[in-house]
Protein backbone atom coordinates (compact mmCIF):
# COMPACT_ATOMS: atom_id res chain seq x y z
CA MET A 1 8.86 5.16 -12.28
CA ASN A 2 9.50 1.61 -11.08
CA TRP A 3 7.83 2.22 -7.73
CA ASP A 4 4.63 3.70 -9.17
CA VAL A 5 1.67 1.78 -7.81
CA LYS A 6 -0.79 0.50 -10.40
CA SER A 7 -3.33 -0.95 -7.98
CA VAL A 8 -3.83 -1.57 -4.27
CA ARG A 9 -6.33 -3.66 -2.34
CA ALA A 10 -6.90 -4.04 1.39
CA LEU A 11 -6.54 -7.63 2.60
CA GLU A 12 -7.25 -9.20 5.98
CA ASN A 13 -5.10 -8.37 9.00
CA PHE A 14 -4.15 -4.86 7.76
CA VAL A 15 -2.13 -6.07 4.80
CA LEU A 16 -2.18 -4.36 1.40
CA SER A 17 -1.92 -6.20 -1.89
CA VAL A 18 0.09 -3.93 -4.20
CA GLU A 19 0.82 -4.13 -7.93
CA LEU A 20 3.51 -1.83 -9.28
CA ARG A 21 3.54 -0.51 -12.84
CA ASP A 22 6.66 -2.55 -13.61
CA GLY A 23 4.69 -5.76 -12.99
CA ARG A 24 5.89 -6.62 -9.48
CA LEU A 25 3.18 -7.82 -7.12
CA GLY A 26 3.61 -7.85 -3.37
CA GLN A 27 2.08 -7.46 0.04
CA PHE A 28 2.76 -4.64 2.47
CA ASP A 29 1.99 -5.15 6.17
CA MET A 30 0.59 -1.97 7.71
CA LYS A 31 0.41 -3.31 11.30
CA PRO A 32 3.81 -1.87 12.37
CA TYR A 33 2.58 1.64 11.46
CA LEU A 34 -0.89 1.64 13.07
CA ASP A 35 0.28 3.00 16.44
CA PHE A 36 1.85 6.16 15.03
CA GLY A 37 0.43 9.60 14.27
CA ALA A 38 -2.08 9.84 11.46
CA PHE A 39 -1.83 6.10 10.80
CA LYS A 40 -3.81 5.38 14.00
CA GLN A 41 -6.96 6.22 12.05
CA LEU A 42 -6.26 3.24 9.78
CA ARG A 43 -7.02 0.86 12.67
CA GLU A 44 -10.71 1.39 11.83
CA ARG A 45 -11.25 -1.37 9.26
CA GLY A 46 -13.80 0.55 7.17
CA TYR A 47 -11.39 3.45 6.79
CA PHE A 48 -8.42 1.17 6.07
CA GLU A 49 -10.40 -0.33 3.18
CA GLN A 50 -10.72 3.13 1.58
CA VAL A 51 -7.11 2.82 0.37
CA SER A 52 -6.52 4.05 -3.18
CA VAL A 53 -3.80 5.06 -5.63
CA GLN A 54 -3.18 8.73 -6.40
CA PHE A 55 -0.31 9.83 -8.62
CA GLY A 56 1.32 6.41 -8.27
CA ALA A 57 1.24 6.39 -4.45
CA ILE A 58 -0.87 4.56 -1.86
CA THR A 59 -3.15 7.01 -0.04
CA TRP A 60 -6.24 7.31 2.16
CA PRO A 61 -8.93 10.05 2.17
CA GLN A 62 -7.51 11.99 5.15
CA GLY A 63 -4.05 12.29 3.57
CA GLN A 64 -2.20 9.30 4.97
CA ASP A 65 0.23 7.83 2.46
CA ILE A 66 3.11 5.40 2.21
CA ALA A 67 6.47 6.81 1.10
CA PRO A 68 7.72 4.98 -2.01
CA ASP A 69 11.04 4.08 -0.39
CA THR A 70 9.22 2.59 2.63
CA LEU A 71 6.92 0.63 0.36
CA ILE A 72 9.74 -0.86 -1.72
CA ALA A 73 12.00 -1.59 1.27
CA ASN A 74 9.29 -3.42 3.23
CA MET A 75 7.29 -5.15 0.52
CA HIS A 76 6.97 -8.93 0.59
CA TRP A 77 7.23 -9.75 -3.13
CA VAL A 78 4.98 -12.53 -4.34
CA ALA A 79 5.15 -12.39 -8.16
CA VAL A 80 6.28 -10.57 -11.26
CA LEU A 81 3.46 -10.05 -13.74
CA GLU A 82 3.71 -8.90 -17.32
CA ALA A 83 3.92 -5.11 -17.18
CA ASN A 84 1.34 -3.19 -19.19
């Protein structure tokens, strides 16, 4: 699917660098979510950096994830790469 995440990397200031399978590259700011529910745990930098991709979605070890529609709607797009 177009929103499937290919790779994700934690950047400074609780921002994620995200590459989608369709070649779009963007940044997703997690700061607006860090005061809510299970996302509070992500305020610990070491845990935030454990971000990974499972089944095309951004996730963390304790089950936090970003809904695809939220990701796409709030992504700051920075480039379109050649899709593989």
